[in-house]
């Protein structure tokens, strides 16, 4: 069997930064370090960090007074920041810089007096944090139909921002519907939309053209991983989302000559290699990586941890 790997796949720069923040915090301040919400949506990543001394909680009331606290890559609402300050928790913010940029843009639009439409999925951790960070009038939409149902009068000047785990392709129809209903609309440049989401979706479309079956390595609660699986299915081939190698079923491979594999932005490369190793137990394989974009983006660590990274590098 020939296995074709998507390029790029797996960890993006925001996830790399978030994981390193937790690791450096443990190294600098000692275990335990408390993390509000899963640092990223992947069970393996969480388990590895737990083994190093991270404790994950859903809310701040699960954190002892004075304990070092990390906010996840998805960002948090101001109410969470205020609660941490009231409780005197020393906080290290691992919010992805691209998510923080969405917050800044949304606040700027609100200060201009424009209601803000947020394109995203209700209940997603990033969306909850973004609505809180923007403040003012924020209206959440996830479809063209929801655009038509917005309570904002047609023709009123508005602005929009998007959840970072949605690509230009994901949002194109919704943005077009918004523009038809609200011609005086402003929003972020397409270059400001998360590069990692777009790159992984473009890569999976290229892989899907060449394979009989596609596996997406990622967690069930990972928005971008689920979208990769949907894109594969849209190409007319069988496509499965698998959290790890154990989830791969041998029956799926019957009659498959070429298998494609990609991974969501929060899935570590080790999981991809374990999937390949499992398949090797069943059939001989030849592995190739499809040419694609090589990402070299790096984000700075928060100031309290930069010195630790420098010492480790030396």
Protein backbone atom coordinates (compact mmCIF):
# COMPACT_ATOMS: atom_id res chain seq x y z
CA UNK A 1 0.00 0.00 0.00
CA UNK A 2 1.17 3.51 -0.78
CA UNK A 3 0.66 6.10 1.97
CA UNK A 4 0.61 9.78 0.99
CA UNK A 5 1.07 12.33 3.78
CA UNK A 6 -0.33 15.84 3.50
CA UNK A 7 2.03 18.80 3.77
CA UNK A 8 1.51 20.71 5.99
CA UNK A 9 -0.22 18.67 8.69
CA UNK A 10 -0.31 18.56 12.47
CA UNK A 11 0.90 21.20 14.91
CA UNK A 12 0.66 24.86 13.92
CA UNK A 13 2.78 27.61 15.47
CA UNK A 14 0.04 28.56 17.94
CA UNK A 15 -0.16 25.01 19.28
CA UNK A 16 3.64 24.69 19.45
CA UNK A 17 3.72 27.91 21.47
CA UNK A 18 0.91 26.84 23.81
CA UNK A 19 2.50 23.48 24.59
CA UNK A 20 5.89 25.08 25.15
CA UNK A 21 4.33 27.64 27.50
CA UNK A 22 3.05 24.85 29.76
CA UNK A 23 6.37 22.96 29.62
CA UNK A 24 8.40 26.10 30.39
CA UNK A 25 6.04 27.11 33.19
CA UNK A 26 6.52 23.72 34.85
CA UNK A 27 10.30 23.96 34.41
CA UNK A 28 10.45 27.50 35.78
CA UNK A 29 7.90 27.44 38.59
CA UNK A 30 7.72 23.71 39.39
CA UNK A 31 4.79 21.33 39.33
CA UNK A 32 1.91 21.55 39.51
CA UNK A 33 0.94 24.20 36.99
CA UNK A 34 -2.79 24.59 36.46
CA UNK A 35 -4.26 24.97 32.97
CA UNK A 36 -7.78 26.26 32.41
CA UNK A 37 -9.44 24.14 29.73
CA UNK A 38 -7.50 21.72 27.51
CA UNK A 39 -4.43 23.62 26.34
CA UNK A 40 -5.32 22.40 22.84
CA UNK A 41 -7.99 19.94 21.75
CA UNK A 42 -5.98 16.73 21.78
CA UNK A 43 -6.00 14.02 24.44
CA UNK A 44 -2.42 12.86 23.80
CA UNK A 45 -1.05 16.37 24.25
CA UNK A 46 -3.00 16.73 27.49
CA UNK A 47 -1.78 13.37 28.82
CA UNK A 48 1.88 14.15 28.05
CA UNK A 49 1.63 17.48 29.87
CA UNK A 50 -0.18 15.86 32.80
CA UNK A 51 2.73 13.45 33.15
CA UNK A 52 5.06 16.45 33.41
CA UNK A 53 3.00 18.11 36.15
CA UNK A 54 0.16 20.01 34.49
CA UNK A 55 -3.31 19.86 36.04
CA UNK A 56 -6.23 20.70 33.75
CA UNK A 57 -9.39 22.29 35.12
CA UNK A 58 -12.52 23.64 33.45
CA UNK A 59 -12.96 26.63 35.74
CA UNK A 60 -10.75 28.72 38.01
CA UNK A 61 -12.48 27.55 41.18
CA UNK A 62 -10.59 24.29 40.74
CA UNK A 63 -7.25 26.09 41.18
CA UNK A 64 -5.72 26.64 44.65
CA UNK A 65 -4.91 30.21 45.70
CA UNK A 66 -1.53 31.39 44.44
CA UNK A 67 -1.03 28.54 41.95
CA UNK A 68 0.52 29.31 38.58
CA UNK A 69 -2.28 29.34 35.99
CA UNK A 70 -2.16 29.03 32.22
CA UNK A 71 -4.98 30.10 29.91
CA UNK A 72 -5.43 27.81 26.90
CA UNK A 73 -4.64 28.65 23.27
CA UNK A 74 -8.34 29.35 22.62
CA UNK A 75 -8.42 32.54 24.71
CA UNK A 76 -10.75 33.52 27.55
CA UNK A 77 -13.38 36.16 28.24
CA UNK A 78 -12.52 39.23 30.38
CA UNK A 79 -14.66 37.83 33.21
CA UNK A 80 -12.21 34.93 33.53
CA UNK A 81 -9.25 37.31 33.57
CA UNK A 82 -10.96 39.41 36.24
CA UNK A 83 -11.71 36.36 38.38
CA UNK A 84 -8.05 35.30 38.19
CA UNK A 85 -6.95 38.78 39.25
CA UNK A 86 -9.39 38.87 42.18
CA UNK A 87 -8.11 35.48 43.36
CA UNK A 88 -4.48 36.58 42.97
CA UNK A 89 -3.60 33.82 40.53
CA UNK A 90 -0.32 34.38 38.66
CA UNK A 91 -1.46 33.95 35.04
CA UNK A 92 0.48 33.03 31.89
CA UNK A 93 -1.65 33.56 28.79
CA UNK A 94 -1.18 30.95 26.05
CA UNK A 95 -3.85 32.47 23.77
CA UNK A 96 -2.76 32.04 20.15
CA UNK A 97 -1.54 35.41 18.81
CA UNK A 98 -3.87 35.02 15.82
CA UNK A 99 -6.82 34.65 18.19
CA UNK A 100 -5.64 37.73 20.10
CA UNK A 101 -5.54 39.60 16.79
CA UNK A 102 -9.21 38.74 16.20
CA UNK A 103 -10.00 40.15 19.66
CA UNK A 104 -8.18 43.39 18.84
CA UNK A 105 -9.90 43.78 15.49
CA UNK A 106 -13.32 43.13 17.03
CA UNK A 107 -12.78 45.73 19.75
CA UNK A 108 -11.64 48.26 17.13
CA UNK A 109 -14.79 47.71 15.11
CA UNK A 110 -16.95 48.05 18.22
CA UNK A 111 -15.24 51.34 19.09
CA UNK A 112 -16.17 52.54 15.61
CA UNK A 113 -19.82 52.01 16.55
CA UNK A 114 -20.37 49.04 14.25
CA UNK A 115 -22.13 45.89 15.44
CA UNK A 116 -19.78 42.93 14.96
CA UNK A 117 -20.77 39.66 13.32
CA UNK A 118 -18.63 36.74 14.43
CA UNK A 119 -18.53 33.82 12.01
CA UNK A 120 -18.01 30.71 14.11
CA UNK A 121 -19.45 27.76 16.00
CA UNK A 122 -21.55 28.30 19.11
CA UNK A 123 -20.00 26.86 22.25
CA UNK A 124 -16.48 26.55 20.88
CA UNK A 125 -13.95 27.71 23.48
CA UNK A 126 -12.43 30.27 21.12
CA UNK A 127 -15.84 31.71 20.22
CA UNK A 128 -16.86 32.06 23.88
CA UNK A 129 -13.64 33.93 24.63
CA UNK A 130 -13.88 36.13 21.53
CA UNK A 131 -17.45 37.25 22.27
CA UNK A 132 -16.39 38.24 25.77
CA UNK A 133 -13.23 40.01 24.61
CA UNK A 134 -14.97 42.09 21.94
CA UNK A 135 -17.86 43.25 24.10
CA UNK A 136 -20.56 45.48 22.61
CA UNK A 137 -22.95 44.06 20.04
CA UNK A 138 -21.60 40.69 18.83
CA UNK A 139 -23.82 38.44 16.69
CA UNK A 140 -22.73 34.85 16.06
CA UNK A 141 -23.52 33.19 12.72
CA UNK A 142 -22.49 29.82 11.30
CA UNK A 143 -24.47 29.71 8.05
CA UNK A 144 -25.96 31.79 5.26
CA UNK A 145 -29.43 31.14 6.72
CA UNK A 146 -28.35 32.66 10.03
CA UNK A 147 -27.13 35.76 8.18
CA UNK A 148 -30.64 36.25 6.79
CA UNK A 149 -32.04 35.97 10.32
CA UNK A 150 -29.75 38.60 11.90
CA UNK A 151 -31.64 41.23 13.92
CA UNK A 152 -29.43 44.01 12.51
CA UNK A 153 -31.45 46.16 10.04
CA UNK A 154 -30.34 45.58 6.41
CA UNK A 155 -28.04 48.28 5.11
CA UNK A 156 -26.65 49.26 8.51
CA UNK A 157 -22.83 49.63 8.64
CA UNK A 158 -21.38 46.49 10.27
CA UNK A 159 -18.10 44.62 10.70
CA UNK A 160 -17.22 40.95 10.86
CA UNK A 161 -14.50 38.71 12.29
CA UNK A 162 -14.06 34.93 12.09
CA UNK A 163 -13.15 32.02 14.31
CA UNK A 164 -9.52 31.21 13.47
CA UNK A 165 -10.17 27.51 12.86
CA UNK A 166 -12.31 28.44 9.85
CA UNK A 167 -10.57 29.00 6.52
CA UNK A 168 -11.20 31.49 3.74
CA UNK A 169 -13.04 28.69 1.93
CA UNK A 170 -15.22 27.94 4.97
CA UNK A 171 -16.34 31.55 5.36
CA UNK A 172 -16.56 32.72 1.73
CA UNK A 173 -20.32 32.08 1.26
CA UNK A 174 -21.22 33.59 4.64
CA UNK A 175 -19.15 36.71 4.00
CA UNK A 176 -20.77 37.09 0.57
CA UNK A 177 -24.24 36.82 2.16
CA UNK A 178 -23.28 39.43 4.75
CA UNK A 179 -22.06 41.78 2.05
CA UNK A 180 -25.30 41.45 0.09
CA UNK A 181 -27.35 42.30 3.17
CA UNK A 182 -24.92 44.91 4.54
CA UNK A 183 -23.02 46.62 1.68
CA UNK A 184 -21.24 48.93 4.15
CA UNK A 185 -19.24 46.16 5.81
CA UNK A 186 -15.62 45.97 6.92
CA UNK A 187 -13.59 42.99 8.09
CA UNK A 188 -10.10 41.53 8.28
CA UNK A 189 -7.94 41.11 5.22
CA UNK A 190 -7.93 37.49 4.04
CA UNK A 191 -4.21 37.43 4.88
CA UNK A 192 -5.18 37.86 8.53
CA UNK A 193 -7.24 34.66 8.60
CA UNK A 194 -5.36 31.78 10.23
CA UNK A 195 -2.70 30.57 7.78
CA UNK A 196 -2.56 27.10 9.36
CA UNK A 197 -6.24 26.35 8.84
CA UNK A 198 -6.15 27.39 5.19
CA UNK A 199 -2.87 25.56 4.48
CA UNK A 200 -4.09 22.27 5.97
CA UNK A 201 -7.36 22.41 4.08
CA UNK A 202 -5.60 23.16 0.79
CA UNK A 203 -3.23 20.26 1.41
CA UNK A 204 -6.00 17.80 2.22
CA UNK A 205 -7.79 18.66 -1.03
CA UNK A 206 -4.61 17.87 -2.95
CA UNK A 207 -4.13 14.57 -1.13
CA UNK A 208 -7.77 13.58 -1.65
CA UNK A 209 -7.29 13.78 -5.44
CA UNK A 210 -4.68 11.04 -5.29
CA UNK A 211 -5.95 8.49 -2.77
CA UNK A 212 -8.66 5.88 -2.27
CA UNK A 213 -9.14 6.53 1.44
CA UNK A 214 -8.26 9.43 3.77
CA UNK A 215 -7.51 9.30 7.49
CA UNK A 216 -7.52 12.51 9.52
CA UNK A 217 -5.64 12.23 12.81
CA UNK A 218 -7.30 14.46 15.37
CA UNK A 219 -9.66 14.70 18.32
CA UNK A 220 -13.44 14.55 18.01
CA UNK A 221 -13.71 17.96 19.73
CA UNK A 222 -11.17 19.59 17.38
CA UNK A 223 -12.99 21.97 15.03
CA UNK A 224 -10.24 22.08 12.42
CA UNK A 225 -9.78 18.28 12.45
CA UNK A 226 -13.48 17.72 11.86
CA UNK A 227 -13.42 20.17 8.96
CA UNK A 228 -10.52 18.27 7.36
CA UNK A 229 -12.57 15.08 7.52
CA UNK A 230 -15.55 16.88 5.96
CA UNK A 231 -13.38 18.16 3.11
CA UNK A 232 -12.12 14.67 2.43
CA UNK A 233 -15.68 13.36 2.32
CA UNK A 234 -16.67 16.21 -0.02
CA UNK A 235 -14.08 14.92 -2.49
CA UNK A 236 -16.09 11.72 -2.80
CA UNK A 237 -13.76 9.31 -1.00
CA UNK A 238 -14.17 7.46 2.32
CA UNK A 239 -12.72 9.58 5.11
CA UNK A 240 -12.39 8.85 8.83
CA UNK A 241 -11.39 10.98 11.82
CA UNK A 242 -9.19 8.92 14.15
CA UNK A 243 -7.90 10.09 17.55
CA UNK A 244 -5.07 7.53 17.55
CA UNK A 245 -3.75 4.36 15.91
CA UNK A 246 -6.07 2.09 17.89
CA UNK A 247 -9.07 3.66 16.18
CA UNK A 248 -7.91 2.58 12.71
CA UNK A 249 -9.88 -0.44 11.49
CA UNK A 250 -8.30 -2.98 9.17
CA UNK A 251 -11.57 -3.42 7.26
CA UNK A 252 -11.30 0.19 6.03
CA UNK A 253 -8.18 -0.74 4.06
CA UNK A 254 -9.77 -3.52 2.01
CA UNK A 255 -9.18 -2.74 -1.67
CA UNK A 256 -7.25 0.45 -0.88
CA UNK A 257 -4.12 0.91 -3.01
CA UNK A 258 -3.29 4.47 -1.92
CA UNK A 259 -4.06 5.88 1.53
CA UNK A 260 -3.91 9.55 2.44
CA UNK A 261 -3.12 10.76 5.97
CA UNK A 262 -3.29 14.24 7.43
CA UNK A 263 -3.59 15.64 10.95
CA UNK A 264 -5.38 18.54 12.57
CA UNK A 265 -3.46 21.54 13.88
CA UNK A 266 -3.58 20.21 17.47
CA UNK A 267 -2.47 16.64 16.67
CA UNK A 268 1.21 15.76 17.27
CA UNK A 269 3.25 14.06 14.55
CA UNK A 270 3.82 11.10 16.88
CA UNK A 271 0.17 10.11 16.40
CA UNK A 272 0.60 10.10 12.61
CA UNK A 273 3.65 7.86 12.88
CA UNK A 274 1.78 5.48 15.20
CA UNK A 275 -1.03 5.20 12.64
CA UNK A 276 1.53 4.32 9.95
CA UNK A 277 3.15 1.75 12.25
CA UNK A 278 -0.23 0.11 12.91
CA UNK A 279 -0.95 -0.19 9.19
CA UNK A 280 2.53 -1.67 8.66
CA UNK A 281 1.50 -4.52 10.95
CA UNK A 282 -1.13 -5.48 8.36
CA UNK A 283 0.41 -4.67 4.96
CA UNK A 284 3.76 -3.56 3.52
CA UNK A 285 3.67 0.22 2.98
CA UNK A 286 5.57 2.83 1.03
CA UNK A 287 5.34 6.35 2.51
CA UNK A 288 5.65 9.61 0.57
CA UNK A 289 4.91 13.23 1.50
CA UNK A 290 3.02 15.31 -1.02
CA UNK A 291 4.87 18.57 -1.82
CA UNK A 292 3.23 21.52 -0.11
CA UNK A 293 3.78 24.65 1.93
CA UNK A 294 6.54 24.42 4.53
CA UNK A 295 5.51 26.57 7.48
CA UNK A 296 8.24 28.44 9.34
CA UNK A 297 6.07 30.69 11.52
CA UNK A 298 7.19 31.12 15.13
CA UNK A 299 5.42 33.07 17.87
CA UNK A 300 7.13 34.66 20.86
CA UNK A 301 6.61 33.24 24.31
CA UNK A 302 5.11 35.46 27.06
CA UNK A 303 7.73 37.63 28.72
CA UNK A 304 8.02 35.58 31.97
CA UNK A 305 9.09 32.52 29.97
CA UNK A 306 11.40 33.98 27.33
CA UNK A 307 14.41 33.79 29.64
CA UNK A 308 13.73 30.12 30.34
CA UNK A 309 13.66 29.34 26.62
CA UNK A 310 16.97 31.21 26.14
CA UNK A 311 18.64 29.26 28.94
CA UNK A 312 17.38 25.97 27.52
CA UNK A 313 18.70 26.85 24.07
CA UNK A 314 22.14 27.60 25.49
